[in-house]
Amino acid sequence: MSEREARILGATATITVNGEEYQLSPVGLGALQELQRLCLMYYKRQYMASLLQDSIEVLGEVEGRKLLREELLMSAKWGIPDLPQQVAYDVEGVPITAKLTKHLKQLFPDLGEEETTVRSALSSGLDQGLVDSDKVKELTKIRPRQAKIKYDAWWITGTFEGMNALVWTSLTPKHPKISKKEISNWPISSLMEAAKTAEMLTTPAVGNI
């Protein structure tokens, strides 16, 4: 079954976390738009936090906060099209070696041995800046390929907040009582695996995230 067929048929995927099974479902268009809204809020917060620190260091507190107010008014008008592009990594061509797995386990102690799980951890680690592409080349002889993608597409599986929101949205059709707080307490490797699975279920062959 292709990804497009899976989405049309409403296919689900089962994952096991802490001994309990959960069913992930494709995310509908309306829910994707809500995820984009959350992403925009996340970007604005990150932008303003970074600007606050930099402007106060350079301009001093009074002038720095004045600039911040001006930028806050400007950023209030931003929409999804105003989001920048973000560097993402393609790890499909990277061999999962014992050395790489050992390195990733130092970052994610609960990481299992299954290749798909390790590859998911590698992808998320690179996206979040926890893993260095030079280190990956050193351990595998292959450097992950880079590409620029839409910020909201990166945010969904490249940040903990994005992964949590995506997984929660994907789980609620089958598990309406589950909370984002509960998901945030999952082992990080389980969260990364669930986010990648939810993305695969949601994205048709042409891609829409």
C-alpha atoms as a PDB file:
ATOM      1  CA  MET A   1       0.000   0.000   0.000  1.00  0.00           C
ATOM      2  CA  SER A   2       1.348   3.410  -0.975  1.00  0.00           C
ATOM      3  CA  GLU A   3       1.334   6.316   1.460  1.00  0.00           C
ATOM      4  CA  ARG A   4      -1.428   7.974  -0.619  1.00  0.00           C
ATOM      5  CA  GLU A   5      -3.574   4.832  -0.469  1.00  0.00           C
ATOM      6  CA  ALA A   6      -2.926   4.526   3.241  1.00  0.00           C
ATOM      7  CA  ARG A   7      -4.183   8.034   3.816  1.00  0.00           C
ATOM      8  CA  ILE A   8      -7.295   7.553   1.661  1.00  0.00           C
ATOM      9  CA  LEU A   9      -8.156   4.327   3.485  1.00  0.00           C
ATOM     10  CA  GLY A  10      -7.527   5.893   6.875  1.00  0.00           C
ATOM     11  CA  ALA A  11      -4.778   3.438   7.751  1.00  0.00           C
ATOM     12  CA  THR A  12      -3.360   3.533  11.262  1.00  0.00           C
ATOM     13  CA  ALA A  13      -0.103   2.353  12.799  1.00  0.00           C
ATOM     14  CA  THR A  14       0.414   0.789  16.215  1.00  0.00           C
ATOM     15  CA  ILE A  15       3.296   1.726  18.494  1.00  0.00           C
ATOM     16  CA  THR A  16       4.142   0.419  21.954  1.00  0.00           C
ATOM     17  CA  VAL A  17       5.286   2.839  24.651  1.00  0.00           C
ATOM     18  CA  ASN A  18       6.062   1.720  28.194  1.00  0.00           C
ATOM     19  CA  GLY A  19       4.289  -1.570  27.530  1.00  0.00           C
ATOM     20  CA  GLU A  20       1.066   0.063  26.291  1.00  0.00           C
ATOM     21  CA  GLU A  21      -0.160   0.072  22.681  1.00  0.00           C
ATOM     22  CA  TYR A  22      -1.265   3.242  20.917  1.00  0.00           C
ATOM     23  CA  GLN A  23      -2.796   3.741  17.481  1.00  0.00           C
ATOM     24  CA  LEU A  24      -1.598   6.641  15.338  1.00  0.00           C
ATOM     25  CA  SER A  25      -3.911   7.975  12.621  1.00  0.00           C
ATOM     26  CA  PRO A  26      -3.354  10.261   9.615  1.00  0.00           C
ATOM     27  CA  VAL A  27      -3.763  13.943  10.470  1.00  0.00           C
ATOM     28  CA  GLY A  28      -6.502  15.762   8.574  1.00  0.00           C
ATOM     29  CA  LEU A  29      -6.180  19.095   6.783  1.00  0.00           C
ATOM     30  CA  GLY A  30      -7.924  21.076   9.516  1.00  0.00           C
ATOM     31  CA  ALA A  31      -5.610  19.619  12.172  1.00  0.00           C
ATOM     32  CA  LEU A  32      -2.571  20.339   9.982  1.00  0.00           C
ATOM     33  CA  GLN A  33      -3.627  23.983   9.800  1.00  0.00           C
ATOM     34  CA  GLU A  34      -3.827  24.060  13.595  1.00  0.00           C
ATOM     35  CA  LEU A  35      -0.308  22.597  13.751  1.00  0.00           C
ATOM     36  CA  GLN A  36       0.858  25.351  11.426  1.00  0.00           C
ATOM     37  CA  ARG A  37      -0.707  27.930  13.767  1.00  0.00           C
ATOM     38  CA  LEU A  38       1.138  26.411  16.737  1.00  0.00           C
ATOM     39  CA  CYS A  39       4.341  26.438  14.706  1.00  0.00           C
ATOM     40  CA  LEU A  40       3.907  30.133  13.920  1.00  0.00           C
ATOM     41  CA  MET A  41       3.430  30.882  17.634  1.00  0.00           C
ATOM     42  CA  TYR A  42       6.548  28.849  18.440  1.00  0.00           C
ATOM     43  CA  TYR A  43       8.622  30.734  15.850  1.00  0.00           C
ATOM     44  CA  LYS A  44       7.444  34.107  17.140  1.00  0.00           C
ATOM     45  CA  ARG A  45       8.361  33.155  20.719  1.00  0.00           C
ATOM     46  CA  GLN A  46      11.810  31.943  19.675  1.00  0.00           C
ATOM     47  CA  TYR A  47      12.388  35.030  17.546  1.00  0.00           C
ATOM     48  CA  MET A  48      11.359  37.451  20.279  1.00  0.00           C
ATOM     49  CA  ALA A  49      13.361  35.644  22.983  1.00  0.00           C
ATOM     50  CA  SER A  50      16.489  35.732  20.832  1.00  0.00           C
ATOM     51  CA  LEU A  51      15.899  39.379  19.890  1.00  0.00           C
ATOM     52  CA  LEU A  52      15.371  40.373  23.526  1.00  0.00           C
ATOM     53  CA  GLN A  53      18.697  38.920  24.594  1.00  0.00           C
ATOM     54  CA  ASP A  54      20.654  40.286  21.632  1.00  0.00           C
ATOM     55  CA  SER A  55      19.119  43.767  21.638  1.00  0.00           C
ATOM     56  CA  ILE A  56      19.629  44.323  25.380  1.00  0.00           C
ATOM     57  CA  GLU A  57      23.251  43.180  25.115  1.00  0.00           C
ATOM     58  CA  VAL A  58      23.930  45.537  22.207  1.00  0.00           C
ATOM     59  CA  LEU A  59      21.635  48.519  22.903  1.00  0.00           C
ATOM     60  CA  GLY A  60      21.105  48.372  26.656  1.00  0.00           C
ATOM     61  CA  GLU A  61      17.878  47.612  28.459  1.00  0.00           C
ATOM     62  CA  VAL A  62      15.905  50.794  27.630  1.00  0.00           C
ATOM     63  CA  GLU A  63      16.663  50.933  23.896  1.00  0.00           C
ATOM     64  CA  GLY A  64      16.595  47.147  23.669  1.00  0.00           C
ATOM     65  CA  ARG A  65      13.057  46.939  25.049  1.00  0.00           C
ATOM     66  CA  LYS A  66      11.964  49.781  22.759  1.00  0.00           C
ATOM     67  CA  LEU A  67      13.194  47.812  19.750  1.00  0.00           C
ATOM     68  CA  LEU A  68      11.482  44.726  21.128  1.00  0.00           C
ATOM     69  CA  ARG A  69       8.112  46.511  21.269  1.00  0.00           C
ATOM     70  CA  GLU A  70       8.505  47.615  17.653  1.00  0.00           C
ATOM     71  CA  GLU A  71       9.397  44.079  16.545  1.00  0.00           C
ATOM     72  CA  LEU A  72       6.480  42.666  18.532  1.00  0.00           C
ATOM     73  CA  LEU A  73       4.037  44.857  16.638  1.00  0.00           C
ATOM     74  CA  MET A  74       5.612  43.806  13.338  1.00  0.00           C
ATOM     75  CA  SER A  75       5.674  40.087  14.140  1.00  0.00           C
ATOM     76  CA  ALA A  76       1.990  40.179  15.106  1.00  0.00           C
ATOM     77  CA  LYS A  77       1.243  40.543  11.390  1.00  0.00           C
ATOM     78  CA  TRP A  78       3.260  37.484  10.338  1.00  0.00           C
ATOM     79  CA  GLY A  79       1.525  34.489   8.812  1.00  0.00           C
ATOM     80  CA  ILE A  80       2.631  31.040   7.646  1.00  0.00           C
ATOM     81  CA  PRO A  81       4.024  32.411   4.327  1.00  0.00           C
ATOM     82  CA  ASP A  82       6.360  34.664   6.348  1.00  0.00           C
ATOM     83  CA  LEU A  83       8.115  31.741   8.022  1.00  0.00           C
ATOM     84  CA  PRO A  84      11.700  31.210   6.807  1.00  0.00           C
ATOM     85  CA  GLN A  85      13.163  28.068   5.332  1.00  0.00           C
ATOM     86  CA  GLN A  86      15.045  25.718   7.615  1.00  0.00           C
ATOM     87  CA  VAL A  87      17.880  23.257   7.013  1.00  0.00           C
ATOM     88  CA  ALA A  88      16.753  19.626   7.322  1.00  0.00           C
ATOM     89  CA  TYR A  89      18.715  16.399   6.972  1.00  0.00           C
ATOM     90  CA  ASP A  90      18.132  13.306   4.842  1.00  0.00           C
ATOM     91  CA  VAL A  91      19.580  10.283   6.675  1.00  0.00           C
ATOM     92  CA  GLU A  92      18.298   7.482   4.454  1.00  0.00           C
ATOM     93  CA  GLY A  93      21.717   7.005   2.867  1.00  0.00           C
ATOM     94  CA  VAL A  94      23.589   6.944   6.177  1.00  0.00           C
ATOM     95  CA  PRO A  95      24.590   3.420   7.325  1.00  0.00           C
ATOM     96  CA  ILE A  96      23.531   2.616  10.876  1.00  0.00           C
ATOM     97  CA  THR A  97      26.842   1.448  12.310  1.00  0.00           C
ATOM     98  CA  ALA A  98      27.601   0.196  15.806  1.00  0.00           C
ATOM     99  CA  LYS A  99      29.686   3.314  16.466  1.00  0.00           C
ATOM    100  CA  LEU A 100      26.830   5.595  15.404  1.00  0.00           C
ATOM    101  CA  THR A 101      24.321   3.703  17.534  1.00  0.00           C
ATOM    102  CA  LYS A 102      26.644   3.932  20.549  1.00  0.00           C
ATOM    103  CA  HIS A 103      27.029   7.679  20.019  1.00  0.00           C
ATOM    104  CA  LEU A 104      23.260   8.189  19.776  1.00  0.00           C
ATOM    105  CA  LYS A 105      22.677   6.150  22.929  1.00  0.00           C
ATOM    106  CA  GLN A 106      24.850   8.604  24.816  1.00  0.00           C
ATOM    107  CA  LEU A 107      22.327  11.284  23.820  1.00  0.00           C
ATOM    108  CA  PHE A 108      19.217   9.106  24.106  1.00  0.00           C
ATOM    109  CA  PRO A 109      19.897   6.442  26.786  1.00  0.00           C
ATOM    110  CA  ASP A 110      16.571   4.657  26.211  1.00  0.00           C
ATOM    111  CA  LEU A 111      17.253   4.181  22.492  1.00  0.00           C
ATOM    112  CA  GLY A 112      16.714   0.625  21.238  1.00  0.00           C
ATOM    113  CA  GLU A 113      18.697  -1.349  18.660  1.00  0.00           C
ATOM    114  CA  GLU A 114      16.133  -1.437  15.826  1.00  0.00           C
ATOM    115  CA  GLU A 115      17.474   0.312  12.733  1.00  0.00           C
ATOM    116  CA  THR A 116      14.327   2.330  12.039  1.00  0.00           C
ATOM    117  CA  THR A 117      14.351   3.654  15.616  1.00  0.00           C
ATOM    118  CA  VAL A 118      18.041   4.550  15.478  1.00  0.00           C
ATOM    119  CA  ARG A 119      17.586   6.261  12.109  1.00  0.00           C
ATOM    120  CA  SER A 120      14.659   8.247  13.491  1.00  0.00           C
ATOM    121  CA  ALA A 121      16.817   9.321  16.452  1.00  0.00           C
ATOM    122  CA  LEU A 122      19.605  10.350  14.074  1.00  0.00           C
ATOM    123  CA  SER A 123      17.230  12.465  11.981  1.00  0.00           C
ATOM    124  CA  SER A 124      15.685  14.189  14.979  1.00  0.00           C
ATOM    125  CA  GLY A 125      19.088  14.659  16.652  1.00  0.00           C
ATOM    126  CA  LEU A 126      20.443  16.406  13.566  1.00  0.00           C
ATOM    127  CA  ASP A 127      17.336  18.583  13.212  1.00  0.00           C
ATOM    128  CA  GLN A 128      17.573  19.678  16.844  1.00  0.00           C
ATOM    129  CA  GLY A 129      21.318  20.357  16.718  1.00  0.00           C
ATOM    130  CA  LEU A 130      22.098  17.559  19.183  1.00  0.00           C
ATOM    131  CA  VAL A 131      24.076  15.601  16.599  1.00  0.00           C
ATOM    132  CA  ASP A 132      26.787  17.083  14.380  1.00  0.00           C
ATOM    133  CA  SER A 133      26.945  16.059  10.711  1.00  0.00           C
ATOM    134  CA  ASP A 134      30.767  15.995  10.892  1.00  0.00           C
ATOM    135  CA  LYS A 135      30.508  13.474  13.719  1.00  0.00           C
ATOM    136  CA  VAL A 136      28.110  11.352  11.666  1.00  0.00           C
ATOM    137  CA  LYS A 137      30.619  11.292   8.800  1.00  0.00           C
ATOM    138  CA  GLU A 138      33.388  10.334  11.206  1.00  0.00           C
ATOM    139  CA  LEU A 139      31.343   7.401  12.525  1.00  0.00           C
ATOM    140  CA  THR A 140      29.831   6.187   9.247  1.00  0.00           C
ATOM    141  CA  LYS A 141      32.018   7.634   6.424  1.00  0.00           C
ATOM    142  CA  ILE A 142      28.844   9.226   5.020  1.00  0.00           C
ATOM    143  CA  ARG A 143      27.686  12.796   5.607  1.00  0.00           C
ATOM    144  CA  PRO A 144      23.898  13.302   5.822  1.00  0.00           C
ATOM    145  CA  ARG A 145      22.491  15.270   2.908  1.00  0.00           C
ATOM    146  CA  GLN A 146      21.059  18.693   3.657  1.00  0.00           C
ATOM    147  CA  ALA A 147      18.139  20.529   2.106  1.00  0.00           C
ATOM    148  CA  LYS A 148      16.135  23.622   2.901  1.00  0.00           C
ATOM    149  CA  ILE A 149      12.457  23.012   3.628  1.00  0.00           C
ATOM    150  CA  LYS A 150       9.529  25.048   4.924  1.00  0.00           C
ATOM    151  CA  TYR A 151       9.926  25.959   8.585  1.00  0.00           C
ATOM    152  CA  ASP A 152       6.584  24.416   9.568  1.00  0.00           C
ATOM    153  CA  ALA A 153       7.532  21.132   7.901  1.00  0.00           C
ATOM    154  CA  TRP A 154      10.793  21.099   9.861  1.00  0.00           C
ATOM    155  CA  TRP A 155       9.133  22.106  13.144  1.00  0.00           C
ATOM    156  CA  ILE A 156       6.804  19.093  13.178  1.00  0.00           C
ATOM    157  CA  THR A 157       9.598  16.548  13.576  1.00  0.00           C
ATOM    158  CA  GLY A 158      12.568  18.817  14.344  1.00  0.00           C
ATOM    159  CA  THR A 159      11.486  20.194  17.735  1.00  0.00           C
ATOM    160  CA  PHE A 160      10.169  18.521  20.872  1.00  0.00           C
ATOM    161  CA  GLU A 161       7.176  20.867  20.941  1.00  0.00           C
ATOM    162  CA  GLY A 162       6.355  20.093  17.315  1.00  0.00           C
ATOM    163  CA  MET A 163       6.700  16.335  17.781  1.00  0.00           C
ATOM    164  CA  ASN A 164       4.495  16.442  20.860  1.00  0.00           C
ATOM    165  CA  ALA A 165       1.783  18.400  19.030  1.00  0.00           C
ATOM    166  CA  LEU A 166       1.913  16.122  15.966  1.00  0.00           C
ATOM    167  CA  VAL A 167       1.786  12.896  17.985  1.00  0.00           C
ATOM    168  CA  TRP A 168      -1.048  14.168  20.193  1.00  0.00           C
ATOM    169  CA  THR A 169      -3.039  15.184  17.109  1.00  0.00           C
ATOM    170  CA  SER A 170      -2.410  11.791  15.505  1.00  0.00           C
ATOM    171  CA  LEU A 171      -3.398   9.878  18.650  1.00  0.00           C
ATOM    172  CA  THR A 172      -6.601  11.670  19.660  1.00  0.00           C
ATOM    173  CA  PRO A 173      -8.923   9.947  17.118  1.00  0.00           C
ATOM    174  CA  LYS A 174      -8.260   6.590  18.820  1.00  0.00           C
ATOM    175  CA  HIS A 175      -7.212   7.896  22.258  1.00  0.00           C
ATOM    176  CA  PRO A 176      -9.362  10.979  22.929  1.00  0.00           C
ATOM    177  CA  LYS A 177      -8.369  11.206  26.617  1.00  0.00           C
ATOM    178  CA  ILE A 178      -4.607  11.301  26.103  1.00  0.00           C
ATOM    179  CA  SER A 179      -2.930  14.615  26.984  1.00  0.00           C
ATOM    180  CA  LYS A 180       0.128  16.397  25.635  1.00  0.00           C
ATOM    181  CA  LYS A 181       1.593  16.272  29.134  1.00  0.00           C
ATOM    182  CA  GLU A 182       1.327  12.474  29.133  1.00  0.00           C
ATOM    183  CA  ILE A 183       3.077  12.287  25.771  1.00  0.00           C
ATOM    184  CA  SER A 184       5.813  14.641  26.989  1.00  0.00           C
ATOM    185  CA  ASN A 185       6.686  12.044  29.627  1.00  0.00           C
ATOM    186  CA  TRP A 186       7.325   9.327  27.028  1.00  0.00           C
ATOM    187  CA  PRO A 187      10.931   8.214  26.432  1.00  0.00           C
ATOM    188  CA  ILE A 188      12.389  10.579  23.842  1.00  0.00           C
ATOM    189  CA  SER A 189      13.126   7.733  21.422  1.00  0.00           C
ATOM    190  CA  SER A 190       9.444   6.701  21.559  1.00  0.00           C
ATOM    191  CA  LEU A 191       8.346  10.274  20.895  1.00  0.00           C
ATOM    192  CA  MET A 192      10.680  10.559  17.896  1.00  0.00           C
ATOM    193  CA  GLU A 193       9.529   7.220  16.494  1.00  0.00           C
ATOM    194  CA  ALA A 194       5.870   8.181  16.951  1.00  0.00           C
ATOM    195  CA  ALA A 195       6.401  11.560  15.253  1.00  0.00           C
ATOM    196  CA  LYS A 196       8.087   9.986  12.236  1.00  0.00           C
ATOM    197  CA  THR A 197       5.306   7.395  11.990  1.00  0.00           C
ATOM    198  CA  ALA A 198       2.579  10.036  12.226  1.00  0.00           C
ATOM    199  CA  GLU A 199       4.336  12.068   9.533  1.00  0.00           C
ATOM    200  CA  MET A 200       4.525   9.020   7.258  1.00  0.00           C
ATOM    201  CA  LEU A 201       0.825   8.263   7.722  1.00  0.00           C
ATOM    202  CA  THR A 202      -0.132  11.875   7.036  1.00  0.00           C
ATOM    203  CA  THR A 203       2.069  12.680   4.066  1.00  0.00           C
ATOM    204  CA  PRO A 204       0.784  11.399   0.711  1.00  0.00           C
ATOM    205  CA  ALA A 205       3.250  10.523  -2.039  1.00  0.00           C
ATOM    206  CA  VAL A 206       3.470  14.144  -3.250  1.00  0.00           C
ATOM    207  CA  GLY A 207       4.004  15.467   0.276  1.00  0.00           C
ATOM    208  CA  ASN A 208       1.858  17.983   2.063  1.00  0.00           C
ATOM    209  CA  ILE A 209       3.552  18.718   5.410  1.00  0.00           C
END
